[in-house]
């Protein structure tokens, strides 16, 4: 069973995504801010991280940079999730170290395809 870390501060988004991931057979760990996300990734060693970019305490850009800089977490694929759909936002996500990018509102089938690409 693959373990996915969902870093999302919006309760409705967190609830919707976690329920769908659980139904698909994934183990889900949740964090509500960037610092919790970094800590959870180091502790839990997930197979993949879904990272909201607009987070309290530490934003997703900084959390991603820290995770990709650390030897123990740099190999974990990170998919950026953001309501910002500008080309510059996509570029910033890749520059921070994200492996892929998806926009909100979430298209579940598209996101699931991306997740499965990284986990197969």
PDB file of N, CA and C in Angstrom:
ATOM      1  N   UNK A   1       0.848  -1.179   0.000  1.00  0.00           N
ATOM      2  CA  UNK A   1       0.000   0.000   0.000  1.00  0.00           C
ATOM      3  C   UNK A   1       0.892   1.240   0.000  1.00  0.00           C
ATOM      4  N   UNK A   2       0.611   2.164  -0.918  1.00  0.00           N
ATOM      5  CA  UNK A   2       1.371   3.402  -0.989  1.00  0.00           C
ATOM      6  C   UNK A   2       0.845   4.405   0.029  1.00  0.00           C
ATOM      7  N   UNK A   3       1.778   5.113   0.629  1.00  0.00           N
ATOM      8  CA  UNK A   3       1.465   6.130   1.621  1.00  0.00           C
ATOM      9  C   UNK A   3       1.591   7.503   0.954  1.00  0.00           C
ATOM     10  N   UNK A   4       0.527   8.308   1.044  1.00  0.00           N
ATOM     11  CA  UNK A   4       0.529   9.649   0.468  1.00  0.00           C
ATOM     12  C   UNK A   4       0.400  10.667   1.585  1.00  0.00           C
ATOM     13  N   UNK A   5       1.277  11.660   1.545  1.00  0.00           N
ATOM     14  CA  UNK A   5       1.207  12.789   2.472  1.00  0.00           C
ATOM     15  C   UNK A   5       0.443  13.907   1.773  1.00  0.00           C
ATOM     16  N   UNK A   6      -0.664  14.315   2.362  1.00  0.00           N
ATOM     17  CA  UNK A   6      -1.488  15.401   1.855  1.00  0.00           C
ATOM     18  C   UNK A   6      -1.250  16.622   2.733  1.00  0.00           C
ATOM     19  N   UNK A   7      -0.631  17.643   2.161  1.00  0.00           N
ATOM     20  CA  UNK A   7      -0.352  18.879   2.893  1.00  0.00           C
ATOM     21  C   UNK A   7      -1.327  19.929   2.370  1.00  0.00           C
ATOM     22  N   UNK A   8      -2.360  20.204   3.150  1.00  0.00           N
ATOM     23  CA  UNK A   8      -3.467  21.063   2.710  1.00  0.00           C
ATOM     24  C   UNK A   8      -4.093  21.731   3.927  1.00  0.00           C
ATOM     25  N   UNK A   9      -4.198  23.063   3.903  1.00  0.00           N
ATOM     26  CA  UNK A   9      -4.764  23.774   5.047  1.00  0.00           C
ATOM     27  C   UNK A   9      -6.279  23.925   4.978  1.00  0.00           C
ATOM     28  N   UNK A  10      -6.865  23.769   3.792  1.00  0.00           N
ATOM     29  CA  UNK A  10      -8.307  23.916   3.652  1.00  0.00           C
ATOM     30  C   UNK A  10      -8.992  22.602   4.033  1.00  0.00           C
ATOM     31  N   UNK A  11      -9.830  22.665   5.046  1.00  0.00           N
ATOM     32  CA  UNK A  11     -10.448  21.453   5.583  1.00  0.00           C
ATOM     33  C   UNK A  11     -11.307  20.729   4.560  1.00  0.00           C
ATOM     34  N   UNK A  12     -12.078  21.470   3.752  1.00  0.00           N
ATOM     35  CA  UNK A  12     -12.930  20.827   2.747  1.00  0.00           C
ATOM     36  C   UNK A  12     -12.083  20.099   1.700  1.00  0.00           C
ATOM     37  N   UNK A  13     -11.017  20.737   1.225  1.00  0.00           N
ATOM     38  CA  UNK A  13     -10.133  20.093   0.247  1.00  0.00           C
ATOM     39  C   UNK A  13      -9.460  18.865   0.851  1.00  0.00           C
ATOM     40  N   UNK A  14      -9.002  19.007   2.087  1.00  0.00           N
ATOM     41  CA  UNK A  14      -8.323  17.904   2.787  1.00  0.00           C
ATOM     42  C   UNK A  14      -9.276  16.720   2.947  1.00  0.00           C
ATOM     43  N   UNK A  15     -10.505  16.991   3.345  1.00  0.00           N
ATOM     44  CA  UNK A  15     -11.496  15.946   3.552  1.00  0.00           C
ATOM     45  C   UNK A  15     -11.831  15.239   2.237  1.00  0.00           C
ATOM     46  N   UNK A  16     -12.094  16.013   1.187  1.00  0.00           N
ATOM     47  CA  UNK A  16     -12.464  15.450  -0.105  1.00  0.00           C
ATOM     48  C   UNK A  16     -11.335  14.597  -0.679  1.00  0.00           C
ATOM     49  N   UNK A  17     -10.124  15.144  -0.680  1.00  0.00           N
ATOM     50  CA  UNK A  17      -8.995  14.398  -1.246  1.00  0.00           C
ATOM     51  C   UNK A  17      -8.650  13.159  -0.423  1.00  0.00           C
ATOM     52  N   UNK A  18      -8.658  13.298   0.897  1.00  0.00           N
ATOM     53  CA  UNK A  18      -8.289  12.149   1.730  1.00  0.00           C
ATOM     54  C   UNK A  18      -9.297  11.011   1.567  1.00  0.00           C
ATOM     55  N   UNK A  19     -10.584  11.330   1.506  1.00  0.00           N
ATOM     56  CA  UNK A  19     -11.596  10.289   1.326  1.00  0.00           C
ATOM     57  C   UNK A  19     -11.428   9.572  -0.008  1.00  0.00           C
ATOM     58  N   UNK A  20     -11.163  10.323  -1.057  1.00  0.00           N
ATOM     59  CA  UNK A  20     -10.985   9.714  -2.379  1.00  0.00           C
ATOM     60  C   UNK A  20      -9.717   8.861  -2.431  1.00  0.00           C
ATOM     61  N   UNK A  21      -8.655   9.338  -1.814  1.00  0.00           N
ATOM     62  CA  UNK A  21      -7.405   8.567  -1.781  1.00  0.00           C
ATOM     63  C   UNK A  21      -7.586   7.269  -0.992  1.00  0.00           C
ATOM     64  N   UNK A  22      -8.269   7.357   0.141  1.00  0.00           N
ATOM     65  CA  UNK A  22      -8.530   6.166   0.946  1.00  0.00           C
ATOM     66  C   UNK A  22      -9.352   5.140   0.167  1.00  0.00           C
ATOM     67  N   UNK A  23     -10.358   5.605  -0.564  1.00  0.00           N
ATOM     68  CA  UNK A  23     -11.191   4.699  -1.366  1.00  0.00           C
ATOM     69  C   UNK A  23     -10.385   4.005  -2.458  1.00  0.00           C
ATOM     70  N   UNK A  24      -9.314   4.639  -2.910  1.00  0.00           N
ATOM     71  CA  UNK A  24      -8.447   4.041  -3.931  1.00  0.00           C
ATOM     72  C   UNK A  24      -7.381   3.140  -3.316  1.00  0.00           C
ATOM     73  N   UNK A  25      -7.409   3.001  -1.980  1.00  0.00           N
ATOM     74  CA  UNK A  25      -6.508   2.068  -1.324  1.00  0.00           C
ATOM     75  C   UNK A  25      -5.196   2.662  -0.830  1.00  0.00           C
ATOM     76  N   UNK A  26      -5.068   3.971  -0.867  1.00  0.00           N
ATOM     77  CA  UNK A  26      -3.856   4.610  -0.360  1.00  0.00           C
ATOM     78  C   UNK A  26      -3.955   4.828   1.144  1.00  0.00           C
ATOM     79  N   UNK A  27      -2.822   4.776   1.806  1.00  0.00           N
ATOM     80  CA  UNK A  27      -2.737   5.226   3.195  1.00  0.00           C
ATOM     81  C   UNK A  27      -2.499   6.727   3.121  1.00  0.00           C
ATOM     82  N   UNK A  28      -3.218   7.502   3.930  1.00  0.00           N
ATOM     83  CA  UNK A  28      -3.126   8.959   3.850  1.00  0.00           C
ATOM     84  C   UNK A  28      -2.659   9.535   5.177  1.00  0.00           C
ATOM     85  N   UNK A  29      -1.640  10.369   5.092  1.00  0.00           N
ATOM     86  CA  UNK A  29      -1.151  11.144   6.236  1.00  0.00           C
ATOM     87  C   UNK A  29      -1.460  12.597   5.900  1.00  0.00           C
ATOM     88  N   UNK A  30      -1.887  13.372   6.887  1.00  0.00           N
ATOM     89  CA  UNK A  30      -2.254  14.756   6.600  1.00  0.00           C
ATOM     90  C   UNK A  30      -1.450  15.735   7.440  1.00  0.00           C
ATOM     91  N   UNK A  31      -1.200  16.881   6.825  1.00  0.00           N
ATOM     92  CA  UNK A  31      -0.560  18.012   7.498  1.00  0.00           C
ATOM     93  C   UNK A  31      -1.309  19.270   7.069  1.00  0.00           C
ATOM     94  N   UNK A  32      -1.387  20.242   7.968  1.00  0.00           N
ATOM     95  CA  UNK A  32      -2.176  21.444   7.676  1.00  0.00           C
ATOM     96  C   UNK A  32      -1.327  22.687   7.397  1.00  0.00           C
ATOM     97  N   UNK A  33      -0.014  22.562   7.504  1.00  0.00           N
ATOM     98  CA  UNK A  33       0.862  23.675   7.127  1.00  0.00           C
ATOM     99  C   UNK A  33       2.187  23.114   6.620  1.00  0.00           C
ATOM    100  N   UNK A  34       2.995  23.981   6.047  1.00  0.00           N
ATOM    101  CA  UNK A  34       4.239  23.531   5.439  1.00  0.00           C
ATOM    102  C   UNK A  34       5.210  22.898   6.415  1.00  0.00           C
ATOM    103  N   UNK A  35       5.306  23.446   7.610  1.00  0.00           N
ATOM    104  CA  UNK A  35       6.233  22.883   8.594  1.00  0.00           C
ATOM    105  C   UNK A  35       5.793  21.488   9.012  1.00  0.00           C
ATOM    106  N   UNK A  36       4.491  21.308   9.252  1.00  0.00           N
ATOM    107  CA  UNK A  36       3.979  19.970   9.568  1.00  0.00           C
ATOM    108  C   UNK A  36       4.237  19.013   8.413  1.00  0.00           C
ATOM    109  N   UNK A  37       4.127  19.511   7.186  1.00  0.00           N
ATOM    110  CA  UNK A  37       4.378  18.689   6.015  1.00  0.00           C
ATOM    111  C   UNK A  37       5.815  18.207   5.951  1.00  0.00           C
ATOM    112  N   UNK A  38       6.754  19.110   6.199  1.00  0.00           N
ATOM    113  CA  UNK A  38       8.175  18.747   6.215  1.00  0.00           C
ATOM    114  C   UNK A  38       8.437  17.716   7.309  1.00  0.00           C
ATOM    115  N   UNK A  39       7.907  17.976   8.497  1.00  0.00           N
ATOM    116  CA  UNK A  39       8.110  17.058   9.627  1.00  0.00           C
ATOM    117  C   UNK A  39       7.513  15.681   9.334  1.00  0.00           C
ATOM    118  N   UNK A  40       6.293  15.659   8.778  1.00  0.00           N
ATOM    119  CA  UNK A  40       5.625  14.391   8.482  1.00  0.00           C
ATOM    120  C   UNK A  40       6.371  13.617   7.397  1.00  0.00           C
ATOM    121  N   UNK A  41       6.893  14.322   6.401  1.00  0.00           N
ATOM    122  CA  UNK A  41       7.643  13.647   5.333  1.00  0.00           C
ATOM    123  C   UNK A  41       8.894  12.990   5.888  1.00  0.00           C
ATOM    124  N   UNK A  42       9.567  13.668   6.789  1.00  0.00           N
ATOM    125  CA  UNK A  42      10.787  13.114   7.384  1.00  0.00           C
ATOM    126  C   UNK A  42      10.473  11.915   8.272  1.00  0.00           C
ATOM    127  N   UNK A  43       9.370  11.988   8.999  1.00  0.00           N
ATOM    128  CA  UNK A  43       8.994  10.932   9.932  1.00  0.00           C
ATOM    129  C   UNK A  43       8.363   9.720   9.244  1.00  0.00           C
ATOM    130  N   UNK A  44       7.495   9.978   8.279  1.00  0.00           N
ATOM    131  CA  UNK A  44       6.665   8.922   7.683  1.00  0.00           C
ATOM    132  C   UNK A  44       7.208   8.343   6.380  1.00  0.00           C
ATOM    133  N   UNK A  45       8.133   9.039   5.708  1.00  0.00           N
ATOM    134  CA  UNK A  45       8.689   8.597   4.412  1.00  0.00           C
ATOM    135  C   UNK A  45       7.579   8.162   3.444  1.00  0.00           C
ATOM    136  N   UNK A  46       6.705   9.098   3.056  1.00  0.00           N
ATOM    137  CA  UNK A  46       5.613   8.730   2.150  1.00  0.00           C
ATOM    138  C   UNK A  46       6.126   8.394   0.752  1.00  0.00           C
ATOM    139  N   UNK A  47       5.284   7.722  -0.018  1.00  0.00           N
ATOM    140  CA  UNK A  47       5.605   7.388  -1.405  1.00  0.00           C
ATOM    141  C   UNK A  47       5.462   8.603  -2.308  1.00  0.00           C
ATOM    142  N   UNK A  48       4.597   9.556  -1.911  1.00  0.00           N
ATOM    143  CA  UNK A  48       4.302  10.734  -2.716  1.00  0.00           C
ATOM    144  C   UNK A  48       3.733  11.814  -1.806  1.00  0.00           C
ATOM    145  N   UNK A  49       3.944  13.071  -2.193  1.00  0.00           N
ATOM    146  CA  UNK A  49       3.406  14.204  -1.437  1.00  0.00           C
ATOM    147  C   UNK A  49       2.534  15.049  -2.356  1.00  0.00           C
ATOM    148  N   UNK A  50       1.322  15.369  -1.889  1.00  0.00           N
ATOM    149  CA  UNK A  50       0.462  16.354  -2.536  1.00  0.00           C
ATOM    150  C   UNK A  50       0.608  17.626  -1.716  1.00  0.00           C
ATOM    151  N   UNK A  51       1.197  18.664  -2.314  1.00  0.00           N
ATOM    152  CA  UNK A  51       1.589  19.867  -1.579  1.00  0.00           C
ATOM    153  C   UNK A  51       0.814  21.090  -2.059  1.00  0.00           C
ATOM    154  N   UNK A  52      -0.069  21.581  -1.188  1.00  0.00           N
ATOM    155  CA  UNK A  52      -0.689  22.878  -1.448  1.00  0.00           C
ATOM    156  C   UNK A  52       0.433  23.912  -1.398  1.00  0.00           C
ATOM    157  N   UNK A  53       0.363  24.931  -2.225  1.00  0.00           N
ATOM    158  CA  UNK A  53       1.429  25.927  -2.251  1.00  0.00           C
ATOM    159  C   UNK A  53       1.146  27.104  -1.321  1.00  0.00           C
ATOM    160  N   UNK A  54      -0.116  27.399  -1.086  1.00  0.00           N
ATOM    161  CA  UNK A  54      -0.497  28.517  -0.210  1.00  0.00           C
ATOM    162  C   UNK A  54      -0.846  27.974   1.168  1.00  0.00           C
ATOM    163  N   UNK A  55       0.167  27.904   2.017  1.00  0.00           N
ATOM    164  CA  UNK A  55       0.010  27.313   3.345  1.00  0.00           C
ATOM    165  C   UNK A  55       0.438  28.284   4.429  1.00  0.00           C
ATOM    166  N   UNK A  56      -0.137  28.136   5.630  1.00  0.00           N
ATOM    167  CA  UNK A  56       0.342  28.943   6.762  1.00  0.00           C
ATOM    168  C   UNK A  56       1.660  28.390   7.317  1.00  0.00           C
ATOM    169  N   UNK A  57       2.273  29.130   8.194  1.00  0.00           N
ATOM    170  CA  UNK A  57       3.511  28.814   8.904  1.00  0.00           C
ATOM    171  C   UNK A  57       4.693  28.788   7.932  1.00  0.00           C
ATOM    172  N   UNK A  58       4.668  27.873   6.985  1.00  0.00           N
ATOM    173  CA  UNK A  58       5.681  27.790   5.927  1.00  0.00           C
ATOM    174  C   UNK A  58       4.935  27.444   4.646  1.00  0.00           C
ATOM    175  N   UNK A  59       5.122  28.235   3.581  1.00  0.00           N
ATOM    176  CA  UNK A  59       4.376  27.947   2.356  1.00  0.00           C
ATOM    177  C   UNK A  59       4.917  26.704   1.653  1.00  0.00           C
ATOM    178  N   UNK A  60       4.166  26.225   0.691  1.00  0.00           N
ATOM    179  CA  UNK A  60       4.525  25.016  -0.024  1.00  0.00           C
ATOM    180  C   UNK A  60       5.801  25.140  -0.841  1.00  0.00           C
ATOM    181  N   UNK A  61       6.108  26.350  -1.294  1.00  0.00           N
ATOM    182  CA  UNK A  61       7.343  26.570  -2.058  1.00  0.00           C
ATOM    183  C   UNK A  61       8.553  26.263  -1.168  1.00  0.00           C
ATOM    184  N   UNK A  62       8.557  26.865   0.028  1.00  0.00           N
ATOM    185  CA  UNK A  62       9.681  26.671   0.948  1.00  0.00           C
ATOM    186  C   UNK A  62       9.737  25.230   1.459  1.00  0.00           C
ATOM    187  N   UNK A  63       8.582  24.658   1.778  1.00  0.00           N
ATOM    188  CA  UNK A  63       8.550  23.273   2.253  1.00  0.00           C
ATOM    189  C   UNK A  63       9.121  22.338   1.186  1.00  0.00           C
ATOM    190  N   UNK A  64       8.756  22.562  -0.067  1.00  0.00           N
ATOM    191  CA  UNK A  64       9.277  21.733  -1.160  1.00  0.00           C
ATOM    192  C   UNK A  64      10.783  21.888  -1.286  1.00  0.00           C
ATOM    193  N   UNK A  65      11.269  23.124  -1.231  1.00  0.00           N
ATOM    194  CA  UNK A  65      12.722  23.350  -1.325  1.00  0.00           C
ATOM    195  C   UNK A  65      13.468  22.604  -0.219  1.00  0.00           C
ATOM    196  N   UNK A  66      12.932  22.653   1.007  1.00  0.00           N
ATOM    197  CA  UNK A  66      13.575  21.945   2.118  1.00  0.00           C
ATOM    198  C   UNK A  66      13.567  20.433   1.904  1.00  0.00           C
ATOM    199  N   UNK A  67      12.440  19.900   1.450  1.00  0.00           N
ATOM    200  CA  UNK A  67      12.336  18.455   1.238  1.00  0.00           C
ATOM    201  C   UNK A  67      13.261  17.986   0.117  1.00  0.00           C
ATOM    202  N   UNK A  68      13.362  18.762  -0.937  1.00  0.00           N
ATOM    203  CA  UNK A  68      14.207  18.377  -2.063  1.00  0.00           C
ATOM    204  C   UNK A  68      15.698  18.581  -1.761  1.00  0.00           C
ATOM    205  N   UNK A  69      16.010  19.381  -0.753  1.00  0.00           N
ATOM    206  CA  UNK A  69      17.409  19.602  -0.366  1.00  0.00           C
ATOM    207  C   UNK A  69      17.923  18.538   0.594  1.00  0.00           C
ATOM    208  N   UNK A  70      17.017  17.833   1.251  1.00  0.00           N
ATOM    209  CA  UNK A  70      17.415  16.843   2.262  1.00  0.00           C
ATOM    210  C   UNK A  70      17.574  15.467   1.621  1.00  0.00           C
ATOM    211  N   UNK A  71      18.697  14.791   1.881  1.00  0.00           N
ATOM    212  CA  UNK A  71      18.937  13.473   1.267  1.00  0.00           C
ATOM    213  C   UNK A  71      17.836  12.453   1.546  1.00  0.00           C
ATOM    214  N   UNK A  72      17.257  12.479   2.742  1.00  0.00           N
ATOM    215  CA  UNK A  72      16.264  11.460   3.098  1.00  0.00           C
ATOM    216  C   UNK A  72      14.898  11.689   2.449  1.00  0.00           C
ATOM    217  N   UNK A  73      14.636  12.891   1.912  1.00  0.00           N
ATOM    218  CA  UNK A  73      13.320  13.171   1.322  1.00  0.00           C
ATOM    219  C   UNK A  73      13.392  13.624  -0.136  1.00  0.00           C
ATOM    220  N   UNK A  74      14.569  13.844  -0.666  1.00  0.00           N
ATOM    221  CA  UNK A  74      14.663  14.417  -2.022  1.00  0.00           C
ATOM    222  C   UNK A  74      14.076  13.517  -3.101  1.00  0.00           C
ATOM    223  N   UNK A  75      14.026  12.224  -2.874  1.00  0.00           N
ATOM    224  CA  UNK A  75      13.506  11.307  -3.883  1.00  0.00           C
ATOM    225  C   UNK A  75      11.998  11.140  -3.868  1.00  0.00           C
ATOM    226  N   UNK A  76      11.318  11.750  -2.908  1.00  0.00           N
ATOM    227  CA  UNK A  76       9.859  11.624  -2.825  1.00  0.00           C
ATOM    228  C   UNK A  76       9.227  12.558  -3.862  1.00  0.00           C
ATOM    229  N   UNK A  77       8.413  12.025  -4.776  1.00  0.00           N
ATOM    230  CA  UNK A  77       7.747  12.900  -5.749  1.00  0.00           C
ATOM    231  C   UNK A  77       6.774  13.848  -5.047  1.00  0.00           C
ATOM    232  N   UNK A  78       6.779  15.101  -5.504  1.00  0.00           N
ATOM    233  CA  UNK A  78       5.872  16.113  -4.956  1.00  0.00           C
ATOM    234  C   UNK A  78       5.042  16.684  -6.096  1.00  0.00           C
ATOM    235  N   UNK A  79       3.724  16.624  -5.922  1.00  0.00           N
ATOM    236  CA  UNK A  79       2.804  17.251  -6.871  1.00  0.00           C
ATOM    237  C   UNK A  79       2.264  18.513  -6.206  1.00  0.00           C
ATOM    238  N   UNK A  80       2.538  19.658  -6.837  1.00  0.00           N
ATOM    239  CA  UNK A  80       2.035  20.937  -6.340  1.00  0.00           C
ATOM    240  C   UNK A  80       0.545  21.038  -6.625  1.00  0.00           C
ATOM    241  N   UNK A  81      -0.209  21.514  -5.640  1.00  0.00           N
ATOM    242  CA  UNK A  81      -1.634  21.793  -5.809  1.00  0.00           C
ATOM    243  C   UNK A  81      -1.845  23.264  -5.531  1.00  0.00           C
ATOM    244  N   UNK A  82      -2.408  23.985  -6.494  1.00  0.00           N
ATOM    245  CA  UNK A  82      -2.592  25.416  -6.280  1.00  0.00           C
ATOM    246  C   UNK A  82      -3.768  25.952  -7.080  1.00  0.00           C
ATOM    247  N   UNK A  83      -4.391  26.984  -6.536  1.00  0.00           N
ATOM    248  CA  UNK A  83      -5.458  27.681  -7.243  1.00  0.00           C
ATOM    249  C   UNK A  83      -4.865  28.659  -8.253  1.00  0.00           C
ATOM    250  N   UNK A  84      -3.576  28.917  -8.172  1.00  0.00           N
ATOM    251  CA  UNK A  84      -2.896  29.831  -9.080  1.00  0.00           C
ATOM    252  C   UNK A  84      -2.526  29.071 -10.350  1.00  0.00           C
ATOM    253  N   UNK A  85      -3.179  29.418 -11.447  1.00  0.00           N
ATOM    254  CA  UNK A  85      -3.012  28.646 -12.678  1.00  0.00           C
ATOM    255  C   UNK A  85      -2.163  29.378 -13.720  1.00  0.00           C
ATOM    256  N   UNK A  86      -1.474  30.410 -13.328  1.00  0.00           N
ATOM    257  CA  UNK A  86      -0.643  31.146 -14.277  1.00  0.00           C
ATOM    258  C   UNK A  86       0.589  30.324 -14.641  1.00  0.00           C
ATOM    259  N   UNK A  87       1.116  30.545 -15.822  1.00  0.00           N
ATOM    260  CA  UNK A  87       2.320  29.837 -16.272  1.00  0.00           C
ATOM    261  C   UNK A  87       3.482  30.098 -15.320  1.00  0.00           C
ATOM    262  N   UNK A  88       3.543  31.296 -14.745  1.00  0.00           N
ATOM    263  CA  UNK A  88       4.633  31.611 -13.816  1.00  0.00           C
ATOM    264  C   UNK A  88       4.525  30.782 -12.538  1.00  0.00           C
ATOM    265  N   UNK A  89       3.308  30.487 -12.106  1.00  0.00           N
ATOM    266  CA  UNK A  89       3.112  29.649 -10.914  1.00  0.00           C
ATOM    267  C   UNK A  89       3.598  28.232 -11.175  1.00  0.00           C
ATOM    268  N   UNK A  90       3.307  27.735 -12.346  1.00  0.00           N
ATOM    269  CA  UNK A  90       3.770  26.401 -12.738  1.00  0.00           C
ATOM    270  C   UNK A  90       5.295  26.369 -12.747  1.00  0.00           C
ATOM    271  N   UNK A  91       5.888  27.395 -13.336  1.00  0.00           N
ATOM    272  CA  UNK A  91       7.347  27.475 -13.400  1.00  0.00           C
ATOM    273  C   UNK A  91       7.953  27.568 -11.997  1.00  0.00           C
ATOM    274  N   UNK A  92       7.330  28.363 -11.123  1.00  0.00           N
ATOM    275  CA  UNK A  92       7.825  28.488  -9.744  1.00  0.00           C
ATOM    276  C   UNK A  92       7.775  27.144  -9.024  1.00  0.00           C
ATOM    277  N   UNK A  93       6.725  26.371  -9.270  1.00  0.00           N
ATOM    278  CA  UNK A  93       6.599  25.056  -8.628  1.00  0.00           C
ATOM    279  C   UNK A  93       7.741  24.142  -9.064  1.00  0.00           C
ATOM    280  N   UNK A  94       8.035  24.143 -10.350  1.00  0.00           N
ATOM    281  CA  UNK A  94       9.125  23.295 -10.837  1.00  0.00           C
ATOM    282  C   UNK A  94      10.477  23.792 -10.326  1.00  0.00           C
ATOM    283  N   UNK A  95      10.648  25.101 -10.257  1.00  0.00           N
ATOM    284  CA  UNK A  95      11.902  25.656  -9.737  1.00  0.00           C
ATOM    285  C   UNK A  95      12.094  25.318  -8.263  1.00  0.00           C
ATOM    286  N   UNK A  96      10.999  25.240  -7.514  1.00  0.00           N
ATOM    287  CA  UNK A  96      11.083  24.879  -6.090  1.00  0.00           C
ATOM    288  C   UNK A  96      11.425  23.399  -5.916  1.00  0.00           C
ATOM    289  N   UNK A  97      11.202  22.595  -6.970  1.00  0.00           N
ATOM    290  CA  UNK A  97      11.531  21.179  -6.890  1.00  0.00           C
ATOM    291  C   UNK A  97      10.352  20.241  -7.071  1.00  0.00           C
ATOM    292  N   UNK A  98       9.163  20.788  -7.307  1.00  0.00           N
ATOM    293  CA  UNK A  98       8.001  19.921  -7.513  1.00  0.00           C
ATOM    294  C   UNK A  98       8.208  19.074  -8.772  1.00  0.00           C
ATOM    295  N   UNK A  99       7.689  17.862  -8.729  1.00  0.00           N
ATOM    296  CA  UNK A  99       7.816  16.942  -9.851  1.00  0.00           C
ATOM    297  C   UNK A  99       6.658  17.070 -10.828  1.00  0.00           C
ATOM    298  N   UNK A 100       5.542  17.633 -10.361  1.00  0.00           N
ATOM    299  CA  UNK A 100       4.393  17.880 -11.221  1.00  0.00           C
ATOM    300  C   UNK A 100       3.555  18.972 -10.581  1.00  0.00           C
ATOM    301  N   UNK A 101       2.487  19.357 -11.263  1.00  0.00           N
ATOM    302  CA  UNK A 101       1.706  20.526 -10.894  1.00  0.00           C
ATOM    303  C   UNK A 101       0.260  20.251 -11.262  1.00  0.00           C
ATOM    304  N   UNK A 102      -0.674  20.596 -10.385  1.00  0.00           N
ATOM    305  CA  UNK A 102      -2.087  20.481 -10.716  1.00  0.00           C
ATOM    306  C   UNK A 102      -2.829  21.664 -10.116  1.00  0.00           C
ATOM    307  N   UNK A 103      -3.873  22.099 -10.807  1.00  0.00           N
ATOM    308  CA  UNK A 103      -4.608  23.282 -10.378  1.00  0.00           C
ATOM    309  C   UNK A 103      -5.883  22.906  -9.626  1.00  0.00           C
ATOM    310  N   UNK A 104      -6.293  23.833  -8.785  1.00  0.00           N
ATOM    311  CA  UNK A 104      -7.572  23.719  -8.084  1.00  0.00           C
ATOM    312  C   UNK A 104      -8.576  24.577  -8.843  1.00  0.00           C
ATOM    313  N   UNK A 105      -9.838  24.210  -8.868  1.00  0.00           N
ATOM    314  CA  UNK A 105     -10.383  23.021  -8.231  1.00  0.00           C
ATOM    315  C   UNK A 105      -9.807  21.751  -8.863  1.00  0.00           C
ATOM    316  N   UNK A 106      -9.661  20.747  -8.032  1.00  0.00           N
ATOM    317  CA  UNK A 106      -9.028  19.498  -8.430  1.00  0.00           C
ATOM    318  C   UNK A 106      -9.909  18.720  -9.402  1.00  0.00           C
ATOM    319  N   UNK A 107      -9.311  18.303 -10.507  1.00  0.00           N
ATOM    320  CA  UNK A 107      -9.936  17.347 -11.409  1.00  0.00           C
ATOM    321  C   UNK A 107      -9.437  15.987 -10.921  1.00  0.00           C
ATOM    322  N   UNK A 108     -10.292  15.232 -10.224  1.00  0.00           N
ATOM    323  CA  UNK A 108      -9.867  14.012  -9.543  1.00  0.00           C
ATOM    324  C   UNK A 108      -9.218  13.011 -10.492  1.00  0.00           C
ATOM    325  N   UNK A 109      -9.826  12.777 -11.651  1.00  0.00           N
ATOM    326  CA  UNK A 109      -9.283  11.779 -12.572  1.00  0.00           C
ATOM    327  C   UNK A 109      -7.906  12.189 -13.086  1.00  0.00           C
ATOM    328  N   UNK A 110      -7.725  13.451 -13.387  1.00  0.00           N
ATOM    329  CA  UNK A 110      -6.421  13.938 -13.853  1.00  0.00           C
ATOM    330  C   UNK A 110      -5.379  13.787 -12.753  1.00  0.00           C
ATOM    331  N   UNK A 111      -5.741  14.175 -11.521  1.00  0.00           N
ATOM    332  CA  UNK A 111      -4.800  14.058 -10.411  1.00  0.00           C
ATOM    333  C   UNK A 111      -4.462  12.595 -10.132  1.00  0.00           C
ATOM    334  N   UNK A 112      -5.449  11.734 -10.159  1.00  0.00           N
ATOM    335  CA  UNK A 112      -5.210  10.317  -9.915  1.00  0.00           C
ATOM    336  C   UNK A 112      -4.265   9.736 -10.969  1.00  0.00           C
ATOM    337  N   UNK A 113      -4.428  10.140 -12.225  1.00  0.00           N
ATOM    338  CA  UNK A 113      -3.510   9.698 -13.276  1.00  0.00           C
ATOM    339  C   UNK A 113      -2.082  10.119 -12.969  1.00  0.00           C
ATOM    340  N   UNK A 114      -1.915  11.347 -12.499  1.00  0.00           N
ATOM    341  CA  UNK A 114      -0.575  11.844 -12.164  1.00  0.00           C
ATOM    342  C   UNK A 114       0.007  11.047 -10.991  1.00  0.00           C
ATOM    343  N   UNK A 115      -0.800  10.806  -9.978  1.00  0.00           N
ATOM    344  CA  UNK A 115      -0.346  10.038  -8.810  1.00  0.00           C
ATOM    345  C   UNK A 115       0.105   8.648  -9.261  1.00  0.00           C
ATOM    346  N   UNK A 116      -0.715   7.995 -10.043  1.00  0.00           N
ATOM    347  CA  UNK A 116      -0.409   6.633 -10.473  1.00  0.00           C
ATOM    348  C   UNK A 116       0.838   6.585 -11.354  1.00  0.00           C
ATOM    349  N   UNK A 117       1.086   7.634 -12.129  1.00  0.00           N
ATOM    350  CA  UNK A 117       2.301   7.691 -12.944  1.00  0.00           C
ATOM    351  C   UNK A 117       3.549   7.625 -12.072  1.00  0.00           C
ATOM    352  N   UNK A 118       3.511   8.327 -10.953  1.00  0.00           N
ATOM    353  CA  UNK A 118       4.671   8.356 -10.064  1.00  0.00           C
ATOM    354  C   UNK A 118       4.825   7.072  -9.244  1.00  0.00           C
ATOM    355  N   UNK A 119       3.728   6.372  -9.011  1.00  0.00           N
ATOM    356  CA  UNK A 119       3.765   5.228  -8.107  1.00  0.00           C
ATOM    357  C   UNK A 119       3.842   3.879  -8.813  1.00  0.00           C
ATOM    358  N   UNK A 120       3.908   3.885 -10.139  1.00  0.00           N
ATOM    359  CA  UNK A 120       4.017   2.619 -10.857  1.00  0.00           C
ATOM    360  C   UNK A 120       5.390   2.444 -11.471  1.00  0.00           C
TER     361      UNK A 120
END
